[in-house]
Protein backbone atom coordinates (compact mmCIF):
# COMPACT_ATOMS: atom_id res chain seq x y z
CA MET A 1 -147.14 93.79 32.28
CA ALA A 2 -148.30 94.72 28.76
CA THR A 3 -151.95 95.75 28.48
CA PRO A 4 -154.24 94.44 25.70
CA LEU A 5 -154.55 98.00 24.37
CA LYS A 6 -150.78 98.47 24.21
CA ASP A 7 -150.35 95.06 22.57
CA SER A 8 -152.96 95.96 19.96
CA PHE A 9 -151.22 99.26 19.24
CA LEU A 10 -147.83 97.60 18.76
CA PHE A 11 -149.39 94.90 16.61
CA GLY A 12 -150.98 97.59 14.45
CA LEU A 13 -147.63 99.34 13.95
CA ILE A 14 -146.02 96.07 12.91
CA ILE A 15 -148.82 95.37 10.42
CA LEU A 16 -148.46 98.88 8.96
CA ALA A 17 -144.71 98.40 8.55
CA ILE A 18 -145.24 95.06 6.83
CA LEU A 19 -147.91 96.48 4.52
CA SER A 20 -145.60 99.37 3.62
CA VAL A 21 -142.87 96.99 2.50
CA VAL A 22 -145.32 94.65 0.77
CA SER A 23 -146.88 97.54 -1.15
CA ALA A 24 -143.52 98.77 -2.44
CA LYS A 25 -143.18 98.64 -6.21
CA VAL A 26 -139.79 97.19 -7.09
CA TYR A 27 -138.85 97.89 -10.69
CA PHE A 28 -135.38 96.36 -10.53
CA GLU A 29 -133.38 94.63 -7.82
CA GLU A 30 -130.01 93.02 -8.41
CA ARG A 31 -128.04 91.30 -5.67
CA PHE A 32 -125.71 89.63 -8.20
CA GLU A 33 -126.65 86.10 -7.31
CA ASP A 34 -126.53 83.13 -9.70
CA GLY A 35 -127.69 84.01 -13.18
CA TRP A 36 -126.74 87.69 -12.99
CA GLU A 37 -124.85 87.47 -16.30
CA ASN A 38 -128.11 86.65 -18.06
CA ARG A 39 -129.52 89.97 -16.87
CA TRP A 40 -126.53 92.19 -17.63
CA VAL A 41 -124.97 92.97 -21.01
CA LYS A 42 -121.27 93.77 -21.23
CA SER A 43 -120.70 96.52 -23.79
CA ASP A 44 -118.17 96.33 -26.61
CA TRP A 45 -117.40 100.01 -26.13
CA LYS A 46 -113.63 100.63 -26.38
CA ARG A 47 -113.01 96.93 -27.07
CA ASP A 48 -111.59 97.60 -30.55
CA GLU A 49 -109.06 99.92 -28.93
CA ASN A 50 -108.16 97.27 -26.34
CA MET A 51 -109.30 99.71 -23.65
CA ALA A 52 -112.38 97.85 -22.40
CA GLY A 53 -111.94 96.57 -18.85
CA GLU A 54 -113.14 93.19 -17.62
CA TRP A 55 -115.41 92.61 -14.65
CA ASN A 56 -114.72 90.15 -11.83
CA TYR A 57 -117.54 88.41 -9.96
CA THR A 58 -116.33 88.46 -6.36
CA PRO A 59 -117.14 89.33 -2.73
CA GLY A 60 -113.93 91.37 -2.67
CA LYS A 61 -110.67 90.95 -0.79
CA TRP A 62 -112.36 91.83 2.52
CA ASN A 63 -116.02 91.32 3.18
CA GLY A 64 -118.63 90.48 5.79
CA ASP A 65 -120.06 87.54 3.85
CA SER A 66 -118.03 85.58 1.30
CA ASN A 67 -121.25 84.49 -0.41
CA ASP A 68 -122.39 88.08 -1.00
CA LYS A 69 -120.78 88.87 -4.35
CA GLY A 70 -120.83 91.83 -6.69
CA ILE A 71 -119.08 92.91 -9.88
CA GLN A 72 -115.67 94.55 -9.62
CA THR A 73 -113.46 96.44 -12.07
CA SER A 74 -110.30 94.39 -12.59
CA GLU A 75 -107.91 96.23 -14.94
CA ASP A 76 -106.15 99.57 -14.49
CA TYR A 77 -106.44 102.37 -17.06
CA ARG A 78 -109.58 100.95 -18.63
CA PHE A 79 -113.11 101.96 -19.58
CA TYR A 80 -116.02 99.97 -18.18
CA ALA A 81 -119.57 99.69 -19.49
CA ILE A 82 -122.27 97.22 -18.52
CA SER A 83 -126.06 97.54 -18.36
CA ALA A 84 -129.28 95.73 -17.53
CA GLU A 85 -132.81 96.18 -18.87
CA PHE A 86 -136.00 96.33 -16.81
CA PRO A 87 -139.68 96.90 -17.69
CA GLU A 88 -140.14 100.49 -18.83
CA LEU A 89 -141.40 102.78 -16.08
CA SER A 90 -142.53 106.32 -15.45
CA ASN A 91 -142.25 107.94 -12.05
CA LYS A 92 -145.24 110.23 -12.69
CA ASP A 93 -147.09 110.70 -9.39
CA LYS A 94 -144.62 108.31 -7.72
CA THR A 95 -141.49 108.47 -5.66
CA LEU A 96 -138.40 107.20 -7.46
CA VAL A 97 -135.67 105.53 -5.43
CA PHE A 98 -132.30 104.64 -6.99
CA GLN A 99 -129.87 102.83 -4.68
CA PHE A 100 -126.72 100.72 -4.88
CA SER A 101 -123.62 99.88 -2.87
CA VAL A 102 -120.06 100.56 -3.95
CA LYS A 103 -116.67 99.74 -2.45
CA HIS A 104 -113.32 101.14 -3.60
CA GLU A 105 -110.93 98.41 -2.47
CA GLN A 106 -108.05 99.95 -4.43
CA LYS A 107 -107.95 103.18 -2.40
CA LEU A 108 -109.21 105.04 -5.43
CA ASP A 109 -107.31 108.17 -6.42
CA CYS A 110 -109.04 108.86 -9.74
CA GLY A 111 -112.15 107.16 -11.04
CA GLY A 112 -115.90 106.96 -10.84
CA GLY A 113 -118.24 104.85 -8.75
CA TYR A 114 -121.54 106.11 -10.15
CA MET A 115 -124.40 104.47 -12.03
CA LYS A 116 -126.88 105.66 -14.66
CA LEU A 117 -130.56 105.29 -15.46
CA LEU A 118 -131.33 105.41 -19.17
CA SER A 119 -134.53 105.88 -21.15
CA ASP A 120 -136.01 104.78 -24.49
CA GLU A 121 -134.16 102.19 -26.55
CA VAL A 122 -130.47 101.56 -25.93
CA ASP A 123 -128.17 99.27 -27.91
CA GLN A 124 -126.59 97.69 -24.85
CA LYS A 125 -123.64 96.27 -26.80
CA LYS A 126 -122.75 99.86 -27.78
CA PHE A 127 -123.51 101.45 -24.42
CA GLY A 128 -120.71 103.90 -23.58
CA GLY A 129 -119.69 107.39 -22.63
CA GLU A 130 -121.67 109.05 -25.43
CA THR A 131 -124.92 107.19 -24.71
CA PRO A 132 -127.58 109.66 -23.50
CA TYR A 133 -128.81 109.04 -19.97
CA SER A 134 -131.59 110.38 -17.75
CA ILE A 135 -129.99 110.22 -14.29
CA MET A 136 -126.37 109.80 -13.24
CA PHE A 137 -125.81 109.26 -9.54
CA GLY A 138 -122.99 108.16 -7.28
CA PRO A 139 -119.50 108.94 -6.02
CA ASP A 140 -116.65 110.34 -8.08
CA ILE A 141 -113.07 110.77 -6.89
CA CYS A 142 -110.10 112.35 -8.64
CA GLY A 143 -107.14 113.75 -6.73
CA HIS A 144 -107.73 116.24 -3.94
CA SER A 145 -110.20 118.43 -5.82
CA THR A 146 -112.97 115.95 -6.67
CA LYS A 147 -114.50 113.86 -3.89
CA LYS A 148 -118.22 114.22 -4.37
CA VAL A 149 -121.52 112.55 -5.10
CA HIS A 150 -122.79 113.25 -8.60
CA ALA A 151 -126.51 113.82 -9.08
CA ILE A 152 -126.99 114.76 -12.72
CA LEU A 153 -130.45 115.07 -14.26
CA THR A 154 -130.93 115.29 -18.02
CA ARG A 155 -133.58 117.45 -19.63
CA SER A 156 -133.92 118.06 -23.41
CA GLY A 157 -130.42 116.76 -24.04
CA THR A 158 -128.80 118.94 -21.37
CA ASN A 159 -127.11 117.41 -18.33
CA HIS A 160 -127.84 119.45 -15.21
CA LEU A 161 -125.44 119.03 -12.27
CA ILE A 162 -126.60 119.48 -8.70
CA LYS A 163 -125.44 122.85 -7.37
CA LYS A 164 -125.00 121.72 -3.78
CA ASP A 165 -121.85 120.01 -2.56
CA VAL A 166 -122.32 116.40 -1.47
CA PRO A 167 -119.03 114.84 -0.25
CA CYS A 168 -118.64 111.12 -0.86
CA GLU A 169 -116.98 108.43 1.24
CA THR A 170 -113.30 107.90 0.42
CA ASP A 171 -112.30 104.83 2.45
CA GLN A 172 -111.98 101.22 1.22
CA LEU A 173 -115.22 99.88 2.68
CA THR A 174 -118.70 99.33 1.28
CA HIS A 175 -121.11 102.26 1.30
CA VAL A 176 -124.72 102.55 0.17
CA TYR A 177 -125.76 105.52 -1.98
CA THR A 178 -129.46 106.41 -2.28
CA PHE A 179 -131.19 109.01 -4.45
CA ILE A 180 -134.85 109.74 -3.70
CA LEU A 181 -136.94 111.87 -6.07
CA ARG A 182 -140.51 112.76 -5.04
CA PRO A 183 -143.59 113.98 -6.95
CA ASP A 184 -143.44 117.33 -5.14
CA ALA A 185 -140.04 117.88 -6.84
CA THR A 186 -138.10 117.43 -3.61
CA TYR A 187 -135.18 115.05 -3.28
CA SER A 188 -132.89 113.43 -0.74
CA ILE A 189 -129.41 111.97 -1.06
CA LEU A 190 -128.46 109.35 1.52
CA ILE A 191 -125.20 107.60 2.28
CA ASP A 192 -125.46 104.51 4.47
CA ASN A 193 -129.12 105.30 5.21
CA ALA A 194 -128.24 108.76 6.56
CA GLU A 195 -129.45 111.86 4.73
CA LYS A 196 -126.55 113.98 3.49
CA GLN A 197 -128.40 116.46 1.29
CA SER A 198 -131.96 117.43 0.44
CA GLY A 199 -133.90 120.19 -1.25
CA SER A 200 -135.86 120.99 -4.38
CA LEU A 201 -135.28 120.42 -8.09
CA TYR A 202 -136.28 124.05 -8.61
CA SER A 203 -133.48 125.50 -6.49
CA ASP A 204 -130.70 122.91 -6.54
CA TRP A 205 -130.49 122.34 -10.31
CA ASP A 206 -130.65 124.89 -13.12
CA ILE A 207 -133.25 122.86 -14.99
CA LEU A 208 -135.61 125.84 -15.25
CA PRO A 209 -134.77 129.54 -15.33
CA PRO A 210 -135.02 131.13 -11.86
CA LYS A 211 -138.46 132.30 -10.74
CA LYS A 212 -137.06 135.63 -9.59
CA ILE A 213 -134.31 137.79 -11.05
CA LYS A 214 -132.69 141.08 -10.07
CA ASP A 215 -134.52 144.04 -11.56
CA PRO A 216 -132.22 145.24 -14.38
CA GLU A 217 -133.86 148.68 -14.30
CA ALA A 218 -133.35 149.26 -10.59
CA LYS A 219 -130.74 151.75 -9.43
CA LYS A 220 -129.60 152.71 -5.96
CA PRO A 221 -131.32 155.97 -4.92
CA GLU A 222 -128.94 158.92 -4.79
CA ASP A 223 -129.91 159.67 -1.20
CA TRP A 224 -129.36 156.08 -0.06
CA ASP A 225 -126.86 156.18 2.79
CA ASP A 226 -125.08 152.82 3.09
CA LYS A 227 -122.24 153.99 5.35
CA GLU A 228 -122.71 152.22 8.67
CA TYR A 229 -120.15 154.42 10.48
CA ILE A 230 -119.20 158.06 9.93
CA PRO A 231 -116.54 160.39 11.40
CA ASP A 232 -117.68 161.96 14.67
CA PRO A 233 -118.22 165.68 13.88
CA GLU A 234 -117.73 166.49 17.59
CA ASP A 235 -114.31 164.87 17.74
CA LYS A 236 -111.49 167.44 17.59
CA LYS A 237 -107.80 166.96 16.93
CA PRO A 238 -105.79 167.54 20.14
CA GLU A 239 -103.61 170.64 20.22
CA GLY A 240 -100.03 169.94 19.24
CA TYR A 241 -100.94 166.55 17.71
CA ASP A 242 -99.17 167.33 14.43
CA ASP A 243 -96.04 168.44 16.33
CA ILE A 244 -95.41 164.94 17.68
CA PRO A 245 -92.39 163.58 15.75
CA LYS A 246 -92.50 160.15 14.14
CA GLU A 247 -89.02 159.36 15.49
CA ILE A 248 -87.00 160.59 18.45
CA PRO A 249 -83.31 160.39 19.40
CA ASP A 250 -82.37 157.19 21.16
CA SER A 251 -81.62 158.30 24.73
CA ASP A 252 -79.71 155.11 25.41
CA ALA A 253 -77.37 155.47 22.46
CA LYS A 254 -73.76 156.44 23.16
CA LYS A 255 -70.99 157.49 20.84
CA PRO A 256 -68.66 154.52 20.26
CA GLU A 257 -65.27 154.92 21.98
CA ASP A 258 -63.41 154.21 18.74
CA TRP A 259 -65.41 156.78 16.75
CA ASP A 260 -63.08 159.19 14.92
CA ASP A 261 -64.86 162.38 13.83
CA GLU A 262 -62.16 163.15 11.27
CA GLU A 263 -62.41 159.73 9.62
CA ASP A 264 -65.99 158.75 10.42
CA GLY A 265 -67.64 162.16 10.29
CA GLU A 266 -69.61 163.87 12.98
CA TRP A 267 -71.43 161.31 15.13
CA THR A 268 -75.16 161.82 15.44
CA VAL A 269 -77.52 160.18 17.86
CA PRO A 270 -79.57 157.47 16.06
CA THR A 271 -83.35 157.75 16.15
CA ILE A 272 -85.98 155.25 17.24
CA PRO A 273 -89.79 155.12 16.68
CA ASN A 274 -91.59 157.55 18.95
CA PRO A 275 -94.06 155.63 21.16
CA GLU A 276 -96.14 158.83 21.43
CA TYR A 277 -96.63 159.06 17.67
CA LYS A 278 -100.01 157.62 16.60
CA GLY A 279 -99.93 158.37 12.89
CA PRO A 280 -102.03 160.93 11.02
CA TRP A 281 -104.98 162.05 13.08
CA THR A 282 -108.42 160.80 12.11
CA PRO A 283 -111.64 161.48 14.00
CA LYS A 284 -113.22 158.54 15.75
CA LYS A 285 -116.14 156.75 14.11
CA ILE A 286 -119.71 156.76 15.33
CA LYS A 287 -122.87 154.98 14.19
CA ASN A 288 -124.44 156.75 11.24
CA PRO A 289 -127.96 157.83 12.27
CA ASN A 290 -128.98 157.88 8.59
CA TYR A 291 -127.67 154.40 7.81
CA LYS A 292 -130.20 152.42 5.75
CA GLY A 293 -128.26 149.20 5.36
CA LYS A 294 -126.57 147.80 2.28
CA TRP A 295 -128.68 148.49 -0.77
CA LYS A 296 -129.87 145.37 -2.56
CA THR A 297 -131.24 145.17 -6.05
CA PRO A 298 -134.93 144.32 -5.76
CA MET A 299 -136.10 141.01 -7.22
CA ILE A 300 -138.83 140.77 -9.83
CA ASP A 301 -140.66 137.91 -11.53
CA ASN A 302 -138.55 136.41 -14.30
CA PRO A 303 -140.44 136.87 -17.59
CA ASP A 304 -138.59 133.84 -18.99
CA PHE A 305 -139.72 131.53 -16.20
CA LYS A 306 -142.40 129.02 -17.03
CA ASP A 307 -143.27 126.48 -14.39
CA ASP A 308 -143.08 122.82 -15.26
CA PRO A 309 -145.10 120.66 -12.86
CA ASP A 310 -143.59 117.61 -14.55
CA ILE A 311 -140.03 118.66 -13.72
CA TYR A 312 -139.53 115.52 -11.62
CA ILE A 313 -140.85 113.03 -14.21
CA PHE A 314 -138.70 110.61 -16.18
CA PRO A 315 -141.33 108.89 -18.35
CA LYS A 316 -139.45 106.06 -20.07
CA LEU A 317 -136.77 104.70 -17.76
CA LYS A 318 -135.74 101.28 -19.02
CA TYR A 319 -132.07 100.55 -18.31
CA VAL A 320 -129.57 100.80 -15.49
CA GLY A 321 -125.90 100.95 -16.35
CA ILE A 322 -122.36 101.46 -15.14
CA GLU A 323 -120.12 103.47 -17.45
CA LEU A 324 -116.85 104.79 -16.14
CA TRP A 325 -113.12 105.25 -16.55
CA GLN A 326 -110.70 104.05 -13.89
CA VAL A 327 -107.00 104.72 -13.52
CA LYS A 328 -106.80 102.14 -10.75
CA SER A 329 -109.26 99.24 -10.74
CA GLY A 330 -110.93 97.56 -7.78
CA THR A 331 -114.35 99.21 -7.44
CA LEU A 332 -117.09 96.73 -6.52
CA PHE A 333 -120.81 97.32 -7.18
CA ASP A 334 -123.65 95.41 -5.55
CA ASN A 335 -127.29 95.50 -4.42
CA VAL A 336 -128.72 97.71 -7.16
CA LEU A 337 -132.30 98.82 -6.52
CA ILE A 338 -134.91 100.87 -8.36
CA CYS A 339 -138.23 101.17 -6.54
CA ASP A 340 -140.86 103.62 -5.31
CA ASP A 341 -140.50 103.16 -1.56
CA PRO A 342 -137.68 104.70 0.53
CA GLU A 343 -138.54 102.37 3.42
CA TYR A 344 -138.04 99.30 1.25
CA ALA A 345 -134.68 100.69 0.13
CA LYS A 346 -133.69 101.35 3.73
CA LYS A 347 -134.66 97.81 4.68
CA LEU A 348 -132.61 96.34 1.82
CA ALA A 349 -129.59 98.41 2.85
CA GLU A 350 -129.85 97.14 6.42
CA GLU A 351 -130.24 93.52 5.26
CA THR A 352 -127.07 93.75 3.16
CA TRP A 353 -124.64 96.51 4.07
CA GLY A 354 -126.01 96.92 7.60
CA LYS A 355 -125.75 93.23 8.41
CA ASN A 356 -122.20 92.87 7.07
CA LYS A 357 -120.50 96.20 7.78
CA ASP A 358 -118.95 95.27 11.14
CA ALA A 359 -117.60 91.95 9.85
CA GLU A 360 -116.29 93.72 6.75
CA ARG A 361 -114.48 96.27 8.91
CA THR A 362 -112.87 93.44 10.89
CA SER A 363 -111.86 91.69 7.67
CA PHE A 364 -110.36 94.93 6.34
CA ASP A 365 -108.42 95.60 9.55
CA GLU A 366 -106.97 92.09 9.44
CA ALA A 367 -105.96 92.52 5.80
CA GLU A 368 -104.31 95.86 6.57
CA LYS A 369 -102.41 94.39 9.51
CA LYS A 370 -101.13 91.57 7.32
CA ARG A 371 -100.13 94.01 4.58
CA GLU A 372 -98.21 96.21 7.03
CA GLU A 373 -96.40 93.18 8.46
CA GLU A 374 -95.35 92.10 4.96
CA VAL A 375 -94.05 95.59 4.21
CA CYS A 376 -91.85 95.46 7.32
CA LEU A 377 -90.25 92.14 6.33
């Protein structure tokens, strides 16, 4: 039986969870419900060249909820660019969460599935590949060499790529990608609500020069002994070692019966490798009592390093956009979120992707079975 104290404790936890979600600041949330086209602007980028791809509004060929729709690339070998505006924000002293779901129904072999956050003023009708951005995040696939999650941060016009490897999902189902950037300059990258990478802006991007560098003036001391093993001075070469022949006559060999010395020459016994021969003698190795380890160049403070406590801040974020090139179309985007609360983002992912993932898997398996049956006909 539950005690009043235990009930009060559980009630308190529930209230705290509710307050956490209620207090979340949501800057932008798009589930692509009715009216989404009024919030998004399709760019004219590449339209004059007849290379601008069109977007479909669809739940996809397989899904867990036919009413849960997103926008999907629909034409092969095309460029895609679309964006939405939201009230300008700064993440100073706040956590920034950027999240969306993406599904590659086409079994993507080369193309992007990432999104961008942009700052200042952007002409959305001209939004394209040359438009400056602040953050680019999401999966990118091309052949066997590129199957990763991009996390690119722009500073002073320079795009800085994350130095850590973050593999992306490569199947044909929906996956949720989340980028969390905190005021202490730490970050996390999640896929399907599971952390796949984390660290610091200082170490995982080359935004600032390194704090420490190798001392360019340092030299290995002449008496530094970095040989871990040395020849044993007590080891002596056995007597007669050098007299052991490399090859010996084959004792099993016999002169062929049809051998004619006059025609074939004098028969000689063939030789075989001598099992007693061990190669040139070398003394055995022993631990070097003077071994100091491998010498390493000492590190010193980098005179070019200047700390930037605002390294994590993007002060004028105002647009979210999709800009990509696809050889094969079929990528579907949905449930775009920009907020300051990782728990709210996690909750949204569970309410959408989490609720529908099993049904989507079943729908996909049925579609695959039907496709395979048609191939066999």
